[in-house]
Amino acid sequence: MDPKVRMRLRWVELYFSSGNAGFVCRRCGISRPTLRKWVTRFKEKGLEGLQDESRRPRNFPTTKVTKEIEGWILDLRRTRNLGARRIQGELIRLHNLKLSLATIHKVLTRNQAKPLLRPKRIKPFKRYSRPVPGDRVQMDTMKIAPGIYQYTAVDDCSRWRVLGVYKRRTAKNTLDFLERVCEEMPFPIQRIQTDRGTEFFAYKVQERLKDWGIKFRPIRPASPHLNGKVERSQKTDLFEFWANVDMNDPELGLRIEEWQYHYNWHRPHGALNGKSPIDLVCELHKETPLTGEVCQAYDPSQEDIRDQNYKADLEMQRLKRSL
């Protein structure tokens, strides 16, 4: 038996016989963390756990980029027109491979990949976001194929998302999706913002939101830019998820849940300076109000049933203010 293993075995046996960690440490001249480490290893693996483990580093900063990895990077640029940050996220999702942005840029430059063509903005844009997670959640639906509709809810502040696949856009499916949103978002929701689709204006949908203490804030018609974050995230789904999935997969719901998990926990987001949504949720957890505080601030007398017809809805709001 290896002398080191014999000595560690003596420490463990002395600890089991005495039951006093302080006595063993004084007797053998070792620290408590050292004794705790070898006792734990012995409990888990027996005598093999007392052997020295390899100290070979798990990650190598200068990992060689093989021809296969280069092919993955160039294929993502050529076939899907992705930038370095998007390529980085897809390598993690598809191949469980994490490369730095600098490494990906070197591969693209060395192979003289064509730069991305980005359209020029006619008007300057002003980026905004709500101050805390849950302050406003944008919600929308998107037709993917006949009998396949995607429901999307994205938090305005953190970009945390919940996704669902349904066969139709109905009030029943909207209620089912809303329950998932409230359950899966790691913070209380203060208001829901949607377009003026019929699936959101059903009476039972609005009543359920009132029961949960969530404000309903539909946008005016023909103004998708007001729901810009959910619209943009759905475009990401089309390019990064739906372009690489089998529409006839019987486990399509499971596939989109896996994509949702990757998006929320691992995918770097450009608007968040390369952070993932969970990173921002954790950063702002002290400023995020608790469920009790949100419910206390909710005033049901100020919330009315909204009409899908925008002009009728405005007229109802004017009449209420005049009374």
C-alpha atoms as a PDB file:
ATOM      1  CA  MET A   1       0.000   0.000   0.000  1.00  0.00           C
ATOM      2  CA  ASP A   2       1.185   3.492  -0.842  1.00  0.00           C
ATOM      3  CA  PRO A   3       2.660   5.185   2.289  1.00  0.00           C
ATOM      4  CA  LYS A   4       0.470   8.275   1.682  1.00  0.00           C
ATOM      5  CA  VAL A   5      -2.660   6.140   1.492  1.00  0.00           C
ATOM      6  CA  ARG A   6      -1.633   4.258   4.657  1.00  0.00           C
ATOM      7  CA  MET A   7      -1.132   7.529   6.544  1.00  0.00           C
ATOM      8  CA  ARG A   8      -4.503   8.950   5.394  1.00  0.00           C
ATOM      9  CA  LEU A   9      -6.206   5.689   6.315  1.00  0.00           C
ATOM     10  CA  ARG A  10      -4.759   6.020   9.823  1.00  0.00           C
ATOM     11  CA  TRP A  11      -6.253   9.518  10.121  1.00  0.00           C
ATOM     12  CA  VAL A  12      -9.679   8.278   9.008  1.00  0.00           C
ATOM     13  CA  GLU A  13      -9.625   5.249  11.311  1.00  0.00           C
ATOM     14  CA  LEU A  14      -8.562   7.404  14.265  1.00  0.00           C
ATOM     15  CA  TYR A  15     -11.424   9.802  13.529  1.00  0.00           C
ATOM     16  CA  PHE A  16     -14.005   6.996  13.303  1.00  0.00           C
ATOM     17  CA  SER A  17     -12.781   5.416  16.538  1.00  0.00           C
ATOM     18  CA  SER A  18     -12.603   8.664  18.552  1.00  0.00           C
ATOM     19  CA  GLY A  19     -15.330  10.720  16.889  1.00  0.00           C
ATOM     20  CA  ASN A  20     -13.366  13.852  17.825  1.00  0.00           C
ATOM     21  CA  ALA A  21     -12.007  15.837  14.871  1.00  0.00           C
ATOM     22  CA  GLY A  22     -10.030  18.230  17.085  1.00  0.00           C
ATOM     23  CA  PHE A  23      -8.222  15.369  18.839  1.00  0.00           C
ATOM     24  CA  VAL A  24      -7.265  13.754  15.497  1.00  0.00           C
ATOM     25  CA  CYS A  25      -5.980  17.051  14.064  1.00  0.00           C
ATOM     26  CA  ARG A  26      -3.806  17.727  17.145  1.00  0.00           C
ATOM     27  CA  ARG A  27      -2.564  14.152  17.260  1.00  0.00           C
ATOM     28  CA  CYS A  28      -1.672  13.930  13.559  1.00  0.00           C
ATOM     29  CA  GLY A  29      -0.682  17.558  12.969  1.00  0.00           C
ATOM     30  CA  ILE A  30      -3.220  18.257  10.211  1.00  0.00           C
ATOM     31  CA  SER A  31      -5.928  20.870   9.695  1.00  0.00           C
ATOM     32  CA  ARG A  32      -9.655  20.281   9.973  1.00  0.00           C
ATOM     33  CA  PRO A  33     -10.301  20.919   6.229  1.00  0.00           C
ATOM     34  CA  THR A  34      -7.672  18.296   5.370  1.00  0.00           C
ATOM     35  CA  LEU A  35      -9.252  15.727   7.701  1.00  0.00           C
ATOM     36  CA  ARG A  36     -12.729  16.563   6.422  1.00  0.00           C
ATOM     37  CA  LYS A  37     -11.595  16.103   2.792  1.00  0.00           C
ATOM     38  CA  TRP A  38     -10.139  12.624   3.321  1.00  0.00           C
ATOM     39  CA  VAL A  39     -13.003  11.431   5.523  1.00  0.00           C
ATOM     40  CA  THR A  40     -15.489  12.538   2.840  1.00  0.00           C
ATOM     41  CA  ARG A  41     -13.542  10.829   0.065  1.00  0.00           C
ATOM     42  CA  PHE A  42     -13.304   7.637   2.107  1.00  0.00           C
ATOM     43  CA  LYS A  43     -17.070   7.616   2.687  1.00  0.00           C
ATOM     44  CA  GLU A  44     -17.761   8.133  -1.023  1.00  0.00           C
ATOM     45  CA  LYS A  45     -15.166   5.838  -2.645  1.00  0.00           C
ATOM     46  CA  GLY A  46     -13.623   3.763   0.095  1.00  0.00           C
ATOM     47  CA  LEU A  47      -9.895   3.049  -0.063  1.00  0.00           C
ATOM     48  CA  GLU A  48      -9.697   4.344  -3.655  1.00  0.00           C
ATOM     49  CA  GLY A  49     -10.782   7.752  -2.437  1.00  0.00           C
ATOM     50  CA  LEU A  50      -7.552   8.087  -0.433  1.00  0.00           C
ATOM     51  CA  GLN A  51      -5.456   7.964  -3.616  1.00  0.00           C
ATOM     52  CA  ASP A  52      -4.023  11.181  -5.056  1.00  0.00           C
ATOM     53  CA  GLU A  53      -6.216  12.521  -7.881  1.00  0.00           C
ATOM     54  CA  SER A  54      -4.869  13.967 -11.102  1.00  0.00           C
ATOM     55  CA  ARG A  55      -4.116  17.667 -10.920  1.00  0.00           C
ATOM     56  CA  ARG A  56      -4.346  18.102 -14.640  1.00  0.00           C
ATOM     57  CA  PRO A  57      -6.341  21.292 -15.346  1.00  0.00           C
ATOM     58  CA  ARG A  58      -9.821  20.754 -16.724  1.00  0.00           C
ATOM     59  CA  ASN A  59      -9.712  23.796 -18.991  1.00  0.00           C
ATOM     60  CA  PHE A  60      -6.823  24.900 -21.183  1.00  0.00           C
ATOM     61  CA  PRO A  61      -6.838  28.589 -22.160  1.00  0.00           C
ATOM     62  CA  THR A  62      -4.772  27.781 -25.259  1.00  0.00           C
ATOM     63  CA  THR A  63      -6.933  24.905 -26.499  1.00  0.00           C
ATOM     64  CA  LYS A  64      -6.077  24.178 -30.110  1.00  0.00           C
ATOM     65  CA  VAL A  65      -8.904  24.868 -32.531  1.00  0.00           C
ATOM     66  CA  THR A  66      -9.118  21.759 -34.682  1.00  0.00           C
ATOM     67  CA  LYS A  67     -10.184  21.590 -38.301  1.00  0.00           C
ATOM     68  CA  GLU A  68     -13.547  20.194 -37.172  1.00  0.00           C
ATOM     69  CA  ILE A  69     -14.157  23.157 -34.850  1.00  0.00           C
ATOM     70  CA  GLU A  70     -13.127  25.563 -37.610  1.00  0.00           C
ATOM     71  CA  GLY A  71     -15.642  23.852 -39.877  1.00  0.00           C
ATOM     72  CA  TRP A  72     -18.404  24.357 -37.285  1.00  0.00           C
ATOM     73  CA  ILE A  73     -17.592  28.076 -36.982  1.00  0.00           C
ATOM     74  CA  LEU A  74     -17.396  28.686 -40.723  1.00  0.00           C
ATOM     75  CA  ASP A  75     -20.559  26.680 -41.363  1.00  0.00           C
ATOM     76  CA  LEU A  76     -22.507  28.777 -38.857  1.00  0.00           C
ATOM     77  CA  ARG A  77     -21.289  31.958 -40.558  1.00  0.00           C
ATOM     78  CA  ARG A  78     -21.907  30.689 -44.102  1.00  0.00           C
ATOM     79  CA  THR A  79     -25.286  28.978 -43.696  1.00  0.00           C
ATOM     80  CA  ARG A  80     -26.879  31.062 -40.946  1.00  0.00           C
ATOM     81  CA  ASN A  81     -25.076  34.417 -41.252  1.00  0.00           C
ATOM     82  CA  LEU A  82     -24.270  34.596 -37.522  1.00  0.00           C
ATOM     83  CA  GLY A  83     -21.881  36.988 -35.814  1.00  0.00           C
ATOM     84  CA  ALA A  84     -19.153  35.939 -33.384  1.00  0.00           C
ATOM     85  CA  ARG A  85     -21.336  36.274 -30.291  1.00  0.00           C
ATOM     86  CA  ARG A  86     -24.148  34.215 -31.817  1.00  0.00           C
ATOM     87  CA  ILE A  87     -21.639  31.612 -33.010  1.00  0.00           C
ATOM     88  CA  GLN A  88     -20.296  31.416 -29.453  1.00  0.00           C
ATOM     89  CA  GLY A  89     -23.774  30.675 -28.097  1.00  0.00           C
ATOM     90  CA  GLU A  90     -24.541  28.083 -30.795  1.00  0.00           C
ATOM     91  CA  LEU A  91     -21.269  26.231 -30.150  1.00  0.00           C
ATOM     92  CA  ILE A  92     -22.247  25.932 -26.495  1.00  0.00           C
ATOM     93  CA  ARG A  93     -25.776  24.771 -27.319  1.00  0.00           C
ATOM     94  CA  LEU A  94     -25.004  22.376 -30.185  1.00  0.00           C
ATOM     95  CA  HIS A  95     -21.544  21.047 -29.294  1.00  0.00           C
ATOM     96  CA  ASN A  96     -21.076  21.901 -25.594  1.00  0.00           C
ATOM     97  CA  LEU A  97     -17.955  23.840 -26.614  1.00  0.00           C
ATOM     98  CA  LYS A  98     -17.053  27.212 -25.125  1.00  0.00           C
ATOM     99  CA  LEU A  99     -14.685  29.433 -27.086  1.00  0.00           C
ATOM    100  CA  SER A 100     -13.788  33.058 -26.482  1.00  0.00           C
ATOM    101  CA  LEU A 101     -14.956  35.745 -28.882  1.00  0.00           C
ATOM    102  CA  ALA A 102     -11.315  36.490 -29.716  1.00  0.00           C
ATOM    103  CA  THR A 103     -10.731  32.879 -30.805  1.00  0.00           C
ATOM    104  CA  ILE A 104     -13.825  32.894 -33.016  1.00  0.00           C
ATOM    105  CA  HIS A 105     -12.753  36.226 -34.562  1.00  0.00           C
ATOM    106  CA  LYS A 106      -9.304  34.764 -35.321  1.00  0.00           C
ATOM    107  CA  VAL A 107     -10.852  31.783 -37.115  1.00  0.00           C
ATOM    108  CA  LEU A 108     -13.142  34.020 -39.180  1.00  0.00           C
ATOM    109  CA  THR A 109     -10.307  36.412 -40.043  1.00  0.00           C
ATOM    110  CA  ARG A 110      -7.842  33.635 -40.917  1.00  0.00           C
ATOM    111  CA  ASN A 111     -10.376  32.117 -43.320  1.00  0.00           C
ATOM    112  CA  GLN A 112     -11.317  35.538 -44.760  1.00  0.00           C
ATOM    113  CA  ALA A 113     -15.010  35.126 -43.891  1.00  0.00           C
ATOM    114  CA  LYS A 114     -17.208  37.810 -45.390  1.00  0.00           C
ATOM    115  CA  PRO A 115     -18.291  40.463 -42.859  1.00  0.00           C
ATOM    116  CA  LEU A 116     -21.941  40.634 -41.924  1.00  0.00           C
ATOM    117  CA  LEU A 117     -24.042  43.122 -43.846  1.00  0.00           C
ATOM    118  CA  ARG A 118     -26.039  45.160 -41.376  1.00  0.00           C
ATOM    119  CA  PRO A 119     -28.758  47.541 -42.613  1.00  0.00           C
ATOM    120  CA  LYS A 120     -28.251  51.193 -41.833  1.00  0.00           C
ATOM    121  CA  ARG A 121     -30.730  52.695 -39.396  1.00  0.00           C
ATOM    122  CA  ILE A 122     -32.698  55.566 -40.847  1.00  0.00           C
ATOM    123  CA  LYS A 123     -33.639  56.915 -37.431  1.00  0.00           C
ATOM    124  CA  PRO A 124     -31.485  56.804 -34.315  1.00  0.00           C
ATOM    125  CA  PHE A 125     -32.857  54.424 -31.729  1.00  0.00           C
ATOM    126  CA  LYS A 126     -33.032  54.818 -27.988  1.00  0.00           C
ATOM    127  CA  ARG A 127     -32.623  51.620 -25.998  1.00  0.00           C
ATOM    128  CA  TYR A 128     -34.780  51.400 -22.885  1.00  0.00           C
ATOM    129  CA  SER A 129     -35.758  48.816 -20.326  1.00  0.00           C
ATOM    130  CA  ARG A 130     -37.859  48.727 -17.182  1.00  0.00           C
ATOM    131  CA  PRO A 131     -35.947  49.129 -13.902  1.00  0.00           C
ATOM    132  CA  VAL A 132     -36.637  45.728 -12.311  1.00  0.00           C
ATOM    133  CA  PRO A 133     -37.618  42.247 -13.505  1.00  0.00           C
ATOM    134  CA  GLY A 134     -41.365  41.689 -13.655  1.00  0.00           C
ATOM    135  CA  ASP A 135     -42.232  45.383 -14.040  1.00  0.00           C
ATOM    136  CA  ARG A 136     -43.475  44.657 -17.570  1.00  0.00           C
ATOM    137  CA  VAL A 137     -43.710  41.369 -19.463  1.00  0.00           C
ATOM    138  CA  GLN A 138     -44.284  41.565 -23.216  1.00  0.00           C
ATOM    139  CA  MET A 139     -46.342  38.739 -24.713  1.00  0.00           C
ATOM    140  CA  ASP A 140     -47.070  37.762 -28.309  1.00  0.00           C
ATOM    141  CA  THR A 141     -47.913  34.796 -30.552  1.00  0.00           C
ATOM    142  CA  MET A 142     -46.326  33.723 -33.837  1.00  0.00           C
ATOM    143  CA  LYS A 143     -47.472  31.246 -36.489  1.00  0.00           C
ATOM    144  CA  ILE A 144     -44.652  28.832 -37.332  1.00  0.00           C
ATOM    145  CA  ALA A 145     -46.505  26.370 -39.588  1.00  0.00           C
ATOM    146  CA  PRO A 146     -50.076  25.090 -40.019  1.00  0.00           C
ATOM    147  CA  GLY A 147     -51.139  23.821 -36.601  1.00  0.00           C
ATOM    148  CA  ILE A 148     -47.994  25.157 -34.867  1.00  0.00           C
ATOM    149  CA  TYR A 149     -48.181  28.454 -32.973  1.00  0.00           C
ATOM    150  CA  GLN A 150     -45.549  29.784 -30.593  1.00  0.00           C
ATOM    151  CA  TYR A 151     -46.544  31.779 -27.502  1.00  0.00           C
ATOM    152  CA  THR A 152     -43.743  34.008 -26.201  1.00  0.00           C
ATOM    153  CA  ALA A 153     -43.424  36.013 -22.992  1.00  0.00           C
ATOM    154  CA  VAL A 154     -40.278  38.096 -22.401  1.00  0.00           C
ATOM    155  CA  ASP A 155     -39.440  40.238 -19.398  1.00  0.00           C
ATOM    156  CA  ASP A 156     -38.694  43.814 -20.449  1.00  0.00           C
ATOM    157  CA  CYS A 157     -35.824  44.242 -17.991  1.00  0.00           C
ATOM    158  CA  SER A 158     -33.948  40.927 -17.871  1.00  0.00           C
ATOM    159  CA  ARG A 159     -35.103  39.318 -21.180  1.00  0.00           C
ATOM    160  CA  TRP A 160     -36.067  36.190 -19.236  1.00  0.00           C
ATOM    161  CA  ARG A 161     -38.406  34.237 -21.503  1.00  0.00           C
ATOM    162  CA  VAL A 162     -41.103  31.579 -21.352  1.00  0.00           C
ATOM    163  CA  LEU A 163     -42.069  29.771 -24.561  1.00  0.00           C
ATOM    164  CA  GLY A 164     -44.929  27.459 -25.466  1.00  0.00           C
ATOM    165  CA  VAL A 165     -46.126  25.576 -28.551  1.00  0.00           C
ATOM    166  CA  TYR A 166     -49.849  25.178 -29.233  1.00  0.00           C
ATOM    167  CA  LYS A 167     -52.001  24.074 -32.137  1.00  0.00           C
ATOM    168  CA  ARG A 168     -54.217  27.188 -32.096  1.00  0.00           C
ATOM    169  CA  ARG A 169     -54.352  30.737 -30.763  1.00  0.00           C
ATOM    170  CA  THR A 170     -57.294  30.553 -28.363  1.00  0.00           C
ATOM    171  CA  ALA A 171     -58.281  32.001 -24.991  1.00  0.00           C
ATOM    172  CA  LYS A 172     -57.948  28.529 -23.440  1.00  0.00           C
ATOM    173  CA  ASN A 173     -54.367  28.184 -24.651  1.00  0.00           C
ATOM    174  CA  THR A 174     -53.651  31.742 -23.521  1.00  0.00           C
ATOM    175  CA  LEU A 175     -54.812  30.897 -19.994  1.00  0.00           C
ATOM    176  CA  ASP A 176     -52.675  27.757 -19.978  1.00  0.00           C
ATOM    177  CA  PHE A 177     -49.651  29.731 -21.143  1.00  0.00           C
ATOM    178  CA  LEU A 178     -50.236  32.498 -18.583  1.00  0.00           C
ATOM    179  CA  GLU A 179     -50.176  29.921 -15.796  1.00  0.00           C
ATOM    180  CA  ARG A 180     -46.828  28.688 -17.090  1.00  0.00           C
ATOM    181  CA  VAL A 181     -45.497  32.245 -17.265  1.00  0.00           C
ATOM    182  CA  CYS A 182     -46.435  32.983 -13.646  1.00  0.00           C
ATOM    183  CA  GLU A 183     -44.958  29.668 -12.539  1.00  0.00           C
ATOM    184  CA  GLU A 184     -41.684  29.758 -14.470  1.00  0.00           C
ATOM    185  CA  MET A 185     -40.661  33.405 -14.185  1.00  0.00           C
ATOM    186  CA  PRO A 186     -38.466  33.733 -11.058  1.00  0.00           C
ATOM    187  CA  PHE A 187     -40.053  37.039  -9.986  1.00  0.00           C
ATOM    188  CA  PRO A 188     -43.591  38.429  -9.531  1.00  0.00           C
ATOM    189  CA  ILE A 189     -45.219  39.959 -12.617  1.00  0.00           C
ATOM    190  CA  GLN A 190     -46.686  43.456 -12.304  1.00  0.00           C
ATOM    191  CA  ARG A 191     -48.128  43.967 -15.802  1.00  0.00           C
ATOM    192  CA  ILE A 192     -48.624  42.084 -19.065  1.00  0.00           C
ATOM    193  CA  GLN A 193     -48.267  43.956 -22.361  1.00  0.00           C
ATOM    194  CA  THR A 194     -49.701  42.450 -25.570  1.00  0.00           C
ATOM    195  CA  ASP A 195     -50.840  43.432 -29.031  1.00  0.00           C
ATOM    196  CA  ARG A 196     -54.560  43.507 -29.780  1.00  0.00           C
ATOM    197  CA  GLY A 197     -54.941  39.850 -30.754  1.00  0.00           C
ATOM    198  CA  THR A 198     -58.296  38.267 -29.935  1.00  0.00           C
ATOM    199  CA  GLU A 199     -56.638  35.534 -27.854  1.00  0.00           C
ATOM    200  CA  PHE A 200     -55.627  38.114 -25.242  1.00  0.00           C
ATOM    201  CA  PHE A 201     -58.889  40.072 -24.977  1.00  0.00           C
ATOM    202  CA  ALA A 202     -61.193  37.240 -23.916  1.00  0.00           C
ATOM    203  CA  TYR A 203     -63.181  38.125 -20.808  1.00  0.00           C
ATOM    204  CA  LYS A 204     -61.956  35.103 -18.841  1.00  0.00           C
ATOM    205  CA  VAL A 205     -58.327  35.940 -19.666  1.00  0.00           C
ATOM    206  CA  GLN A 206     -58.659  39.484 -18.329  1.00  0.00           C
ATOM    207  CA  GLU A 207     -60.569  38.279 -15.263  1.00  0.00           C
ATOM    208  CA  ARG A 208     -57.826  35.759 -14.505  1.00  0.00           C
ATOM    209  CA  LEU A 209     -55.211  38.517 -14.681  1.00  0.00           C
ATOM    210  CA  LYS A 210     -57.264  40.592 -12.242  1.00  0.00           C
ATOM    211  CA  ASP A 211     -57.513  37.607  -9.897  1.00  0.00           C
ATOM    212  CA  TRP A 212     -53.716  37.308  -9.966  1.00  0.00           C
ATOM    213  CA  GLY A 213     -53.197  41.044  -9.410  1.00  0.00           C
ATOM    214  CA  ILE A 214     -51.550  41.601 -12.808  1.00  0.00           C
ATOM    215  CA  LYS A 215     -52.245  44.719 -14.863  1.00  0.00           C
ATOM    216  CA  PHE A 216     -53.255  44.273 -18.514  1.00  0.00           C
ATOM    217  CA  ARG A 217     -51.744  46.850 -20.888  1.00  0.00           C
ATOM    218  CA  PRO A 218     -52.483  46.285 -24.611  1.00  0.00           C
ATOM    219  CA  ILE A 219     -50.650  48.459 -27.132  1.00  0.00           C
ATOM    220  CA  ARG A 220     -52.320  50.482 -29.859  1.00  0.00           C
ATOM    221  CA  PRO A 221     -52.840  48.805 -33.266  1.00  0.00           C
ATOM    222  CA  ALA A 222     -50.189  48.804 -36.027  1.00  0.00           C
ATOM    223  CA  SER A 223     -47.375  49.565 -33.589  1.00  0.00           C
ATOM    224  CA  PRO A 224     -45.278  46.397 -33.194  1.00  0.00           C
ATOM    225  CA  HIS A 225     -42.267  48.517 -32.132  1.00  0.00           C
ATOM    226  CA  LEU A 226     -43.973  49.030 -28.768  1.00  0.00           C
ATOM    227  CA  ASN A 227     -43.636  45.270 -28.273  1.00  0.00           C
ATOM    228  CA  GLY A 228     -40.127  45.373 -29.694  1.00  0.00           C
ATOM    229  CA  LYS A 229     -38.425  42.998 -27.291  1.00  0.00           C
ATOM    230  CA  VAL A 230     -40.829  40.119 -27.839  1.00  0.00           C
ATOM    231  CA  GLU A 231     -40.871  40.760 -31.592  1.00  0.00           C
ATOM    232  CA  ARG A 232     -37.060  40.687 -31.715  1.00  0.00           C
ATOM    233  CA  SER A 233     -36.834  37.578 -29.562  1.00  0.00           C
ATOM    234  CA  GLN A 234     -39.265  35.764 -31.887  1.00  0.00           C
ATOM    235  CA  LYS A 235     -37.003  36.642 -34.810  1.00  0.00           C
ATOM    236  CA  THR A 236     -34.145  35.042 -32.868  1.00  0.00           C
ATOM    237  CA  ASP A 237     -36.260  31.903 -32.446  1.00  0.00           C
ATOM    238  CA  LEU A 238     -36.863  31.705 -36.196  1.00  0.00           C
ATOM    239  CA  PHE A 239     -33.140  31.898 -37.017  1.00  0.00           C
ATOM    240  CA  GLU A 240     -31.634  29.948 -34.125  1.00  0.00           C
ATOM    241  CA  PHE A 241     -34.290  27.385 -33.176  1.00  0.00           C
ATOM    242  CA  TRP A 242     -36.981  26.799 -35.804  1.00  0.00           C
ATOM    243  CA  ALA A 243     -34.454  26.755 -38.661  1.00  0.00           C
ATOM    244  CA  ASN A 244     -32.764  23.726 -37.055  1.00  0.00           C
ATOM    245  CA  VAL A 245     -35.659  21.668 -35.713  1.00  0.00           C
ATOM    246  CA  ASP A 246     -37.913  19.010 -37.218  1.00  0.00           C
ATOM    247  CA  MET A 247     -41.465  20.351 -37.327  1.00  0.00           C
ATOM    248  CA  ASN A 248     -42.812  16.781 -37.156  1.00  0.00           C
ATOM    249  CA  ASP A 249     -40.882  15.902 -34.018  1.00  0.00           C
ATOM    250  CA  PRO A 250     -43.405  14.398 -31.535  1.00  0.00           C
ATOM    251  CA  GLU A 251     -41.379  15.930 -28.702  1.00  0.00           C
ATOM    252  CA  LEU A 252     -41.424  19.447 -30.152  1.00  0.00           C
ATOM    253  CA  GLY A 253     -42.627  20.854 -26.819  1.00  0.00           C
ATOM    254  CA  LEU A 254     -39.601  19.340 -25.076  1.00  0.00           C
ATOM    255  CA  ARG A 255     -37.235  20.736 -27.723  1.00  0.00           C
ATOM    256  CA  ILE A 256     -38.520  24.283 -27.219  1.00  0.00           C
ATOM    257  CA  GLU A 257     -38.199  23.896 -23.438  1.00  0.00           C
ATOM    258  CA  GLU A 258     -34.538  22.956 -23.931  1.00  0.00           C
ATOM    259  CA  TRP A 259     -34.077  26.032 -26.129  1.00  0.00           C
ATOM    260  CA  GLN A 260     -35.802  28.190 -23.502  1.00  0.00           C
ATOM    261  CA  TYR A 261     -33.441  26.874 -20.802  1.00  0.00           C
ATOM    262  CA  HIS A 262     -30.390  27.583 -22.974  1.00  0.00           C
ATOM    263  CA  TYR A 263     -31.638  31.103 -23.760  1.00  0.00           C
ATOM    264  CA  ASN A 264     -32.313  32.006 -20.112  1.00  0.00           C
ATOM    265  CA  TRP A 265     -29.280  30.422 -18.487  1.00  0.00           C
ATOM    266  CA  HIS A 266     -26.439  30.258 -21.006  1.00  0.00           C
ATOM    267  CA  ARG A 267     -26.957  32.348 -24.142  1.00  0.00           C
ATOM    268  CA  PRO A 268     -25.116  35.698 -24.005  1.00  0.00           C
ATOM    269  CA  HIS A 269     -27.370  38.651 -24.837  1.00  0.00           C
ATOM    270  CA  GLY A 270     -26.038  41.639 -26.752  1.00  0.00           C
ATOM    271  CA  ALA A 271     -28.371  44.126 -25.038  1.00  0.00           C
ATOM    272  CA  LEU A 272     -27.141  42.859 -21.649  1.00  0.00           C
ATOM    273  CA  ASN A 273     -23.447  43.332 -22.500  1.00  0.00           C
ATOM    274  CA  GLY A 274     -22.904  39.630 -23.045  1.00  0.00           C
ATOM    275  CA  LYS A 275     -24.694  38.479 -19.891  1.00  0.00           C
ATOM    276  CA  SER A 276     -27.451  35.896 -19.849  1.00  0.00           C
ATOM    277  CA  PRO A 277     -30.937  36.761 -18.486  1.00  0.00           C
ATOM    278  CA  ILE A 278     -30.332  34.815 -15.260  1.00  0.00           C
ATOM    279  CA  ASP A 279     -27.218  36.925 -14.599  1.00  0.00           C
ATOM    280  CA  LEU A 280     -29.271  40.134 -14.626  1.00  0.00           C
ATOM    281  CA  VAL A 281     -32.067  38.565 -12.556  1.00  0.00           C
ATOM    282  CA  CYS A 282     -29.504  37.671  -9.876  1.00  0.00           C
ATOM    283  CA  GLU A 283     -27.902  41.130 -10.004  1.00  0.00           C
ATOM    284  CA  LEU A 284     -31.252  42.883  -9.445  1.00  0.00           C
ATOM    285  CA  HIS A 285     -32.790  40.462  -6.935  1.00  0.00           C
ATOM    286  CA  LYS A 286     -32.467  42.967  -4.064  1.00  0.00           C
ATOM    287  CA  GLU A 287     -34.299  45.691  -6.011  1.00  0.00           C
ATOM    288  CA  THR A 288     -37.016  43.326  -7.295  1.00  0.00           C
ATOM    289  CA  PRO A 289     -40.219  43.606  -5.226  1.00  0.00           C
ATOM    290  CA  LEU A 290     -41.643  40.535  -3.541  1.00  0.00           C
ATOM    291  CA  THR A 291     -45.016  39.031  -4.407  1.00  0.00           C
ATOM    292  CA  GLY A 292     -46.659  40.530  -1.312  1.00  0.00           C
ATOM    293  CA  GLU A 293     -45.455  44.029  -2.211  1.00  0.00           C
ATOM    294  CA  VAL A 294     -46.773  43.690  -5.781  1.00  0.00           C
ATOM    295  CA  CYS A 295     -50.182  42.470  -4.583  1.00  0.00           C
ATOM    296  CA  GLN A 296     -50.388  45.301  -2.052  1.00  0.00           C
ATOM    297  CA  ALA A 297     -49.689  47.921  -4.739  1.00  0.00           C
ATOM    298  CA  TYR A 298     -52.324  46.491  -7.103  1.00  0.00           C
ATOM    299  CA  ASP A 299     -55.608  48.442  -7.126  1.00  0.00           C
ATOM    300  CA  PRO A 300     -58.415  46.395  -8.778  1.00  0.00           C
ATOM    301  CA  SER A 301     -60.692  49.448  -8.954  1.00  0.00           C
ATOM    302  CA  GLN A 302     -58.317  51.000 -11.512  1.00  0.00           C
ATOM    303  CA  GLU A 303     -58.409  47.972 -13.806  1.00  0.00           C
ATOM    304  CA  ASP A 304     -61.241  47.657 -16.316  1.00  0.00           C
ATOM    305  CA  ILE A 305     -62.069  45.056 -18.931  1.00  0.00           C
ATOM    306  CA  ARG A 306     -60.401  46.305 -22.116  1.00  0.00           C
ATOM    307  CA  ASP A 307     -62.056  46.208 -25.533  1.00  0.00           C
ATOM    308  CA  GLN A 308     -60.184  44.789 -28.521  1.00  0.00           C
ATOM    309  CA  ASN A 309     -61.494  47.610 -30.742  1.00  0.00           C
ATOM    310  CA  TYR A 310     -59.021  50.428 -30.119  1.00  0.00           C
ATOM    311  CA  LYS A 311     -61.448  53.302 -30.760  1.00  0.00           C
ATOM    312  CA  ALA A 312     -64.102  51.782 -28.510  1.00  0.00           C
ATOM    313  CA  ASP A 313     -61.475  51.161 -25.869  1.00  0.00           C
ATOM    314  CA  LEU A 314     -60.324  54.797 -25.982  1.00  0.00           C
ATOM    315  CA  GLU A 315     -63.906  56.028 -25.736  1.00  0.00           C
ATOM    316  CA  MET A 316     -64.505  53.854 -22.677  1.00  0.00           C
ATOM    317  CA  GLN A 317     -61.371  55.254 -21.044  1.00  0.00           C
ATOM    318  CA  ARG A 318     -62.521  58.840 -21.734  1.00  0.00           C
ATOM    319  CA  LEU A 319     -65.958  58.158 -20.272  1.00  0.00           C
ATOM    320  CA  LYS A 320     -64.409  56.691 -17.143  1.00  0.00           C
ATOM    321  CA  ARG A 321     -62.177  59.750 -16.647  1.00  0.00           C
ATOM    322  CA  SER A 322     -65.129  62.129 -17.137  1.00  0.00           C
ATOM    323  CA  LEU A 323     -67.227  60.439 -14.427  1.00  0.00           C
END
